[in-house]
Amino acid sequence: MQTSGLALAAMSAFSALWGPPGGRWTDRRGRWLPAVAGAIVLFGGTVALAASVGCAGLGPLIVALAVTGLGLGLALAALAGVVANIRVAPRAQGTTPLTSRGPAPGGDPARSRRERTVPR
């Protein structure tokens, strides 16, 4: 049990170590390049993880998990910035997302238009 925990710690450690450099890279270059590069490294780590299944010993498994963590660390800063930038459109008071997009089947279209109108 302790050996498996230490092996899995490689992914978490590399993700934590490479998160701040990934964030700085995102700040300098924008979100696209770090997200794509991190996803490519993450894919490579996943392929290496699949290849390490039949290997004897923990070495290949730990290396594959470390590469996966490196990809996560690089990509997550950029992806967190994308999620933080999502803006939700304000809704009129008393409306729900279903009624603000148009009348419900069998609903009153005039009422729906009133609900979509945002007072200024």
C-alpha atoms as a PDB file:
ATOM      1  CA  MET A   1       0.000   0.000   0.000  1.00  0.00           C
ATOM      2  CA  GLN A   2       2.766   2.479   0.815  1.00  0.00           C
ATOM      3  CA  THR A   3       4.632   1.722  -2.402  1.00  0.00           C
ATOM      4  CA  SER A   4       1.616   2.521  -4.562  1.00  0.00           C
ATOM      5  CA  GLY A   5       1.065   5.783  -2.699  1.00  0.00           C
ATOM      6  CA  LEU A   6       4.666   6.825  -3.266  1.00  0.00           C
ATOM      7  CA  ALA A   7       4.407   5.931  -6.948  1.00  0.00           C
ATOM      8  CA  LEU A   8       1.259   8.023  -7.341  1.00  0.00           C
ATOM      9  CA  ALA A   9       2.915  10.910  -5.510  1.00  0.00           C
ATOM     10  CA  ALA A  10       5.171  11.395  -8.537  1.00  0.00           C
ATOM     11  CA  MET A  11       2.249  12.718 -10.575  1.00  0.00           C
ATOM     12  CA  SER A  12       1.076  15.079  -7.827  1.00  0.00           C
ATOM     13  CA  ALA A  13       4.585  16.313  -7.110  1.00  0.00           C
ATOM     14  CA  PHE A  14       5.368  17.058 -10.741  1.00  0.00           C
ATOM     15  CA  SER A  15       2.002  18.725 -11.210  1.00  0.00           C
ATOM     16  CA  ALA A  16       2.644  20.948  -8.187  1.00  0.00           C
ATOM     17  CA  LEU A  17       6.216  21.716  -9.284  1.00  0.00           C
ATOM     18  CA  TRP A  18       5.282  22.582 -12.873  1.00  0.00           C
ATOM     19  CA  GLY A  19       2.095  24.521 -12.083  1.00  0.00           C
ATOM     20  CA  PRO A  20       3.810  27.845 -11.267  1.00  0.00           C
ATOM     21  CA  PRO A  21       6.090  27.766 -14.350  1.00  0.00           C
ATOM     22  CA  GLY A  22       3.020  26.879 -16.414  1.00  0.00           C
ATOM     23  CA  GLY A  23       1.218  29.886 -14.957  1.00  0.00           C
ATOM     24  CA  ARG A  24       4.112  32.208 -15.746  1.00  0.00           C
ATOM     25  CA  TRP A  25       4.271  30.801 -19.267  1.00  0.00           C
ATOM     26  CA  THR A  26       0.531  31.418 -19.623  1.00  0.00           C
ATOM     27  CA  ASP A  27       0.964  35.015 -18.466  1.00  0.00           C
ATOM     28  CA  ARG A  28       3.772  35.619 -20.973  1.00  0.00           C
ATOM     29  CA  ARG A  29       2.489  33.746 -24.033  1.00  0.00           C
ATOM     30  CA  GLY A  30      -1.273  33.526 -23.634  1.00  0.00           C
ATOM     31  CA  ARG A  31      -3.376  30.475 -22.921  1.00  0.00           C
ATOM     32  CA  TRP A  32      -3.287  28.554 -26.170  1.00  0.00           C
ATOM     33  CA  LEU A  33       0.359  27.438 -26.323  1.00  0.00           C
ATOM     34  CA  PRO A  34       0.686  26.242 -22.696  1.00  0.00           C
ATOM     35  CA  ALA A  35      -2.659  24.443 -22.861  1.00  0.00           C
ATOM     36  CA  VAL A  36      -1.784  22.621 -26.070  1.00  0.00           C
ATOM     37  CA  ALA A  37       1.796  21.836 -25.005  1.00  0.00           C
ATOM     38  CA  GLY A  38       0.562  20.556 -21.647  1.00  0.00           C
ATOM     39  CA  ALA A  39      -2.076  18.419 -23.369  1.00  0.00           C
ATOM     40  CA  ILE A  40       0.573  16.916 -25.672  1.00  0.00           C
ATOM     41  CA  VAL A  41       2.858  16.111 -22.731  1.00  0.00           C
ATOM     42  CA  LEU A  42      -0.150  14.718 -20.839  1.00  0.00           C
ATOM     43  CA  PHE A  43      -0.968  12.499 -23.824  1.00  0.00           C
ATOM     44  CA  GLY A  44       2.641  11.297 -23.943  1.00  0.00           C
ATOM     45  CA  GLY A  45       2.524  10.484 -20.249  1.00  0.00           C
ATOM     46  CA  THR A  46      -0.702   8.571 -20.718  1.00  0.00           C
ATOM     47  CA  VAL A  47       0.803   6.540 -23.573  1.00  0.00           C
ATOM     48  CA  ALA A  48       3.881   5.840 -21.432  1.00  0.00           C
ATOM     49  CA  LEU A  49       1.602   4.849 -18.557  1.00  0.00           C
ATOM     50  CA  ALA A  50      -0.197   2.357 -20.793  1.00  0.00           C
ATOM     51  CA  ALA A  51       3.144   1.003 -22.021  1.00  0.00           C
ATOM     52  CA  SER A  52       4.461   0.584 -18.473  1.00  0.00           C
ATOM     53  CA  VAL A  53       1.699  -1.827 -17.474  1.00  0.00           C
ATOM     54  CA  GLY A  54       3.617  -4.957 -18.530  1.00  0.00           C
ATOM     55  CA  CYS A  55       7.008  -3.779 -17.240  1.00  0.00           C
ATOM     56  CA  ALA A  56       8.624  -5.263 -14.185  1.00  0.00           C
ATOM     57  CA  GLY A  57       9.409  -2.834 -11.411  1.00  0.00           C
ATOM     58  CA  LEU A  58       8.084   0.597 -10.580  1.00  0.00           C
ATOM     59  CA  GLY A  59      10.612   2.689 -12.524  1.00  0.00           C
ATOM     60  CA  PRO A  60       8.686   3.003 -15.803  1.00  0.00           C
ATOM     61  CA  LEU A  61       5.427   3.584 -13.921  1.00  0.00           C
ATOM     62  CA  ILE A  62       6.915   6.387 -11.833  1.00  0.00           C
ATOM     63  CA  VAL A  63       8.457   8.055 -14.904  1.00  0.00           C
ATOM     64  CA  ALA A  64       5.148   7.842 -16.778  1.00  0.00           C
ATOM     65  CA  LEU A  65       3.261   9.328 -13.827  1.00  0.00           C
ATOM     66  CA  ALA A  66       5.847  12.111 -13.524  1.00  0.00           C
ATOM     67  CA  VAL A  67       5.451  12.993 -17.225  1.00  0.00           C
ATOM     68  CA  THR A  68       1.672  12.974 -16.791  1.00  0.00           C
ATOM     69  CA  GLY A  69       2.024  15.336 -13.812  1.00  0.00           C
ATOM     70  CA  LEU A  70       4.276  17.626 -15.830  1.00  0.00           C
ATOM     71  CA  GLY A  71       1.610  17.867 -18.538  1.00  0.00           C
ATOM     72  CA  LEU A  72      -1.073  18.559 -15.958  1.00  0.00           C
ATOM     73  CA  GLY A  73       1.006  21.277 -14.338  1.00  0.00           C
ATOM     74  CA  LEU A  74       1.615  23.033 -17.645  1.00  0.00           C
ATOM     75  CA  ALA A  75      -1.942  22.792 -18.916  1.00  0.00           C
ATOM     76  CA  LEU A  76      -3.978  23.457 -15.774  1.00  0.00           C
ATOM     77  CA  ALA A  77      -2.861  27.057 -15.297  1.00  0.00           C
ATOM     78  CA  ALA A  78      -3.955  27.922 -18.831  1.00  0.00           C
ATOM     79  CA  LEU A  79      -7.219  26.008 -18.521  1.00  0.00           C
ATOM     80  CA  ALA A  80      -8.021  27.617 -15.168  1.00  0.00           C
ATOM     81  CA  GLY A  81      -7.599  31.005 -16.817  1.00  0.00           C
ATOM     82  CA  VAL A  82     -10.060  30.008 -19.532  1.00  0.00           C
ATOM     83  CA  VAL A  83     -12.648  28.931 -16.968  1.00  0.00           C
ATOM     84  CA  ALA A  84     -12.137  32.100 -14.924  1.00  0.00           C
ATOM     85  CA  ASN A  85     -12.755  34.225 -18.023  1.00  0.00           C
ATOM     86  CA  ILE A  86     -16.196  32.795 -18.771  1.00  0.00           C
ATOM     87  CA  ARG A  87     -18.803  35.473 -18.276  1.00  0.00           C
ATOM     88  CA  VAL A  88     -22.398  34.705 -17.499  1.00  0.00           C
ATOM     89  CA  ALA A  89     -24.921  37.038 -19.067  1.00  0.00           C
ATOM     90  CA  PRO A  90     -27.058  38.833 -16.483  1.00  0.00           C
ATOM     91  CA  ARG A  91     -30.683  37.715 -16.273  1.00  0.00           C
ATOM     92  CA  ALA A  92     -33.735  39.841 -15.737  1.00  0.00           C
ATOM     93  CA  GLN A  93     -35.173  39.682 -12.266  1.00  0.00           C
ATOM     94  CA  GLY A  94     -37.503  36.749 -11.768  1.00  0.00           C
ATOM     95  CA  THR A  95     -36.502  34.803 -14.874  1.00  0.00           C
ATOM     96  CA  THR A  96     -34.985  31.391 -15.241  1.00  0.00           C
ATOM     97  CA  PRO A  97     -32.538  30.250 -17.906  1.00  0.00           C
ATOM     98  CA  LEU A  98     -35.316  28.281 -19.624  1.00  0.00           C
ATOM     99  CA  THR A  99     -37.727  31.216 -19.932  1.00  0.00           C
ATOM    100  CA  SER A 100     -35.066  33.772 -20.797  1.00  0.00           C
ATOM    101  CA  ARG A 101     -34.283  32.015 -24.090  1.00  0.00           C
ATOM    102  CA  GLY A 102     -37.796  32.130 -25.432  1.00  0.00           C
ATOM    103  CA  PRO A 103     -41.247  30.918 -24.654  1.00  0.00           C
ATOM    104  CA  ALA A 104     -41.725  27.434 -23.371  1.00  0.00           C
ATOM    105  CA  PRO A 105     -43.846  25.168 -25.546  1.00  0.00           C
ATOM    106  CA  GLY A 106     -47.408  26.386 -25.069  1.00  0.00           C
ATOM    107  CA  GLY A 107     -46.164  29.463 -23.179  1.00  0.00           C
ATOM    108  CA  ASP A 108     -47.012  33.125 -23.637  1.00  0.00           C
ATOM    109  CA  PRO A 109     -44.543  34.766 -26.103  1.00  0.00           C
ATOM    110  CA  ALA A 110     -45.375  38.274 -24.845  1.00  0.00           C
ATOM    111  CA  ARG A 111     -44.546  37.264 -21.269  1.00  0.00           C
ATOM    112  CA  SER A 112     -41.286  35.729 -22.436  1.00  0.00           C
ATOM    113  CA  ARG A 113     -40.298  38.984 -24.189  1.00  0.00           C
ATOM    114  CA  ARG A 114     -41.006  40.942 -21.017  1.00  0.00           C
ATOM    115  CA  GLU A 115     -38.827  38.573 -18.972  1.00  0.00           C
ATOM    116  CA  ARG A 116     -35.914  38.937 -21.386  1.00  0.00           C
ATOM    117  CA  THR A 117     -35.999  42.725 -21.118  1.00  0.00           C
ATOM    118  CA  VAL A 118     -33.410  43.935 -18.649  1.00  0.00           C
ATOM    119  CA  PRO A 119     -34.335  47.246 -16.963  1.00  0.00           C
ATOM    120  CA  ARG A 120     -31.750  49.997 -17.341  1.00  0.00           C
END
